[in-house]
Protein backbone atom coordinates (compact mmCIF):
# COMPACT_ATOMS: atom_id res chain seq x y z
CA MET A 1 0.00 0.00 0.00
CA ASN A 2 1.48 3.31 -1.05
CA THR A 3 0.94 6.65 0.65
CA LEU A 4 0.26 9.77 -1.33
CA ILE A 5 1.89 12.90 0.03
CA SER A 6 0.99 16.29 -1.34
CA VAL A 7 3.88 18.70 -1.83
CA SER A 8 3.22 22.36 -2.54
CA HIS A 9 5.64 24.43 -4.61
CA SER A 10 5.79 28.11 -5.35
CA HIS A 11 8.04 29.96 -7.73
CA GLU A 12 9.47 33.45 -7.82
CA ASN A 13 6.58 34.61 -10.00
CA ASN A 14 4.14 33.47 -7.27
CA VAL A 15 2.76 30.67 -9.41
CA SER A 16 2.17 27.67 -7.23
CA TYR A 17 1.25 24.11 -7.97
CA GLU A 18 0.92 20.91 -6.07
CA ASP A 19 2.64 17.60 -6.77
CA VAL A 20 1.46 14.32 -5.41
CA VAL A 21 4.34 12.07 -4.43
CA ASP A 22 3.66 8.35 -4.30
CA TRP A 23 5.62 6.90 -1.36
CA ASN A 24 5.73 3.21 -0.68
CA PRO A 25 6.17 1.92 2.89
CA SER A 26 9.84 1.06 2.40
CA ASP A 27 10.55 4.65 1.26
CA ILE A 28 8.92 6.01 4.41
CA TYR A 29 10.70 3.44 6.59
CA ARG A 30 14.12 4.36 5.16
CA LEU A 31 13.45 8.08 5.51
CA GLN A 32 12.31 7.66 9.11
CA LYS A 33 15.56 5.85 9.89
CA ALA A 34 17.57 8.58 8.17
CA VAL A 35 15.77 11.25 10.22
CA ILE A 36 16.67 9.46 13.47
CA LYS A 37 20.31 9.05 12.46
CA GLN A 38 20.64 12.63 11.26
CA SER A 39 19.13 14.07 14.42
CA LEU A 40 21.54 12.06 16.58
CA ARG A 41 24.48 13.22 14.44
CA GLU A 42 23.40 16.85 14.77
CA ILE A 43 22.89 16.61 18.53
CA GLY A 44 26.34 15.14 19.06
CA ASP A 45 28.30 17.25 16.60
CA GLN A 46 29.93 20.13 18.48
CA ARG A 47 30.74 21.80 15.14
CA ARG A 48 27.03 22.38 14.53
CA SER A 49 25.43 25.57 15.73
CA THR A 50 23.70 25.49 19.09
CA THR A 51 20.45 26.30 17.29
CA MET A 52 20.77 23.32 14.97
CA ARG A 53 21.69 21.01 17.82
CA ARG A 54 18.81 22.36 19.92
CA GLU A 55 16.29 21.80 17.09
CA ALA A 56 17.40 18.18 16.72
CA PHE A 57 17.27 17.69 20.50
CA ASP A 58 13.79 19.26 20.66
CA TRP A 59 12.60 16.95 17.85
CA LEU A 60 13.80 13.94 19.82
CA MET A 61 12.15 15.14 23.03
CA SER A 62 8.87 16.18 21.39
CA ASN A 63 5.68 14.22 21.95
CA ASP A 64 4.22 15.33 18.61
CA VAL A 65 2.76 12.55 16.51
CA HIS A 66 3.08 12.71 12.72
CA PRO A 67 4.76 10.46 10.12
CA PHE A 68 8.24 11.80 10.85
CA SER A 69 7.99 12.57 14.56
CA ALA A 70 10.47 10.96 16.94
CA ILE A 71 7.70 8.86 18.46
CA VAL A 72 6.58 7.41 15.13
CA CYS A 73 10.09 7.00 13.69
CA CYS A 74 11.37 5.17 16.77
CA GLN A 75 8.26 3.03 16.99
CA ALA A 76 8.65 2.00 13.33
CA HIS A 77 12.23 0.92 14.02
CA LYS A 78 11.44 -0.77 17.35
CA LEU A 79 13.62 1.66 19.28
CA ASP A 80 12.91 2.44 22.93
CA LEU A 81 12.39 6.19 22.63
CA GLU A 82 12.36 6.86 26.37
CA HIS A 83 15.67 5.05 26.80
CA LEU A 84 17.15 6.91 23.83
CA ARG A 85 15.93 10.23 25.24
CA MET A 86 17.45 9.43 28.63
CA LEU A 87 20.83 8.56 27.09
CA VAL A 88 20.92 11.63 24.87
CA ALA A 89 19.84 13.96 27.69
CA HIS A 90 22.55 12.50 29.92
CA LEU A 91 25.25 12.90 27.28
CA VAL A 92 24.24 16.33 26.04
CA LYS A 93 24.20 18.66 29.00
CA ASP A 94 25.47 21.75 27.16
CA LEU A 95 22.16 22.31 25.35
CA ASN A 96 20.24 22.89 28.57
């Protein structure tokens, strides 16, 4: 079963249109995994700006629920989100 995702575009001349992207479950699964990995890289990379690191940390700590939220991404990959949050919070004290 594929999922259709609507993507809006606008151009410099203010003309906008909408594309419908046909995502299959394996595409979504791979992207969810990539989002988790990228957020952990950003949180741990001292070369990143504090703002970027904070945004990644906030995403991980958020209780929002949508296809690419931390809750949904971790659930899809059978990761214990609460344990992951605890470890990251313990290791990353400079963002608080």
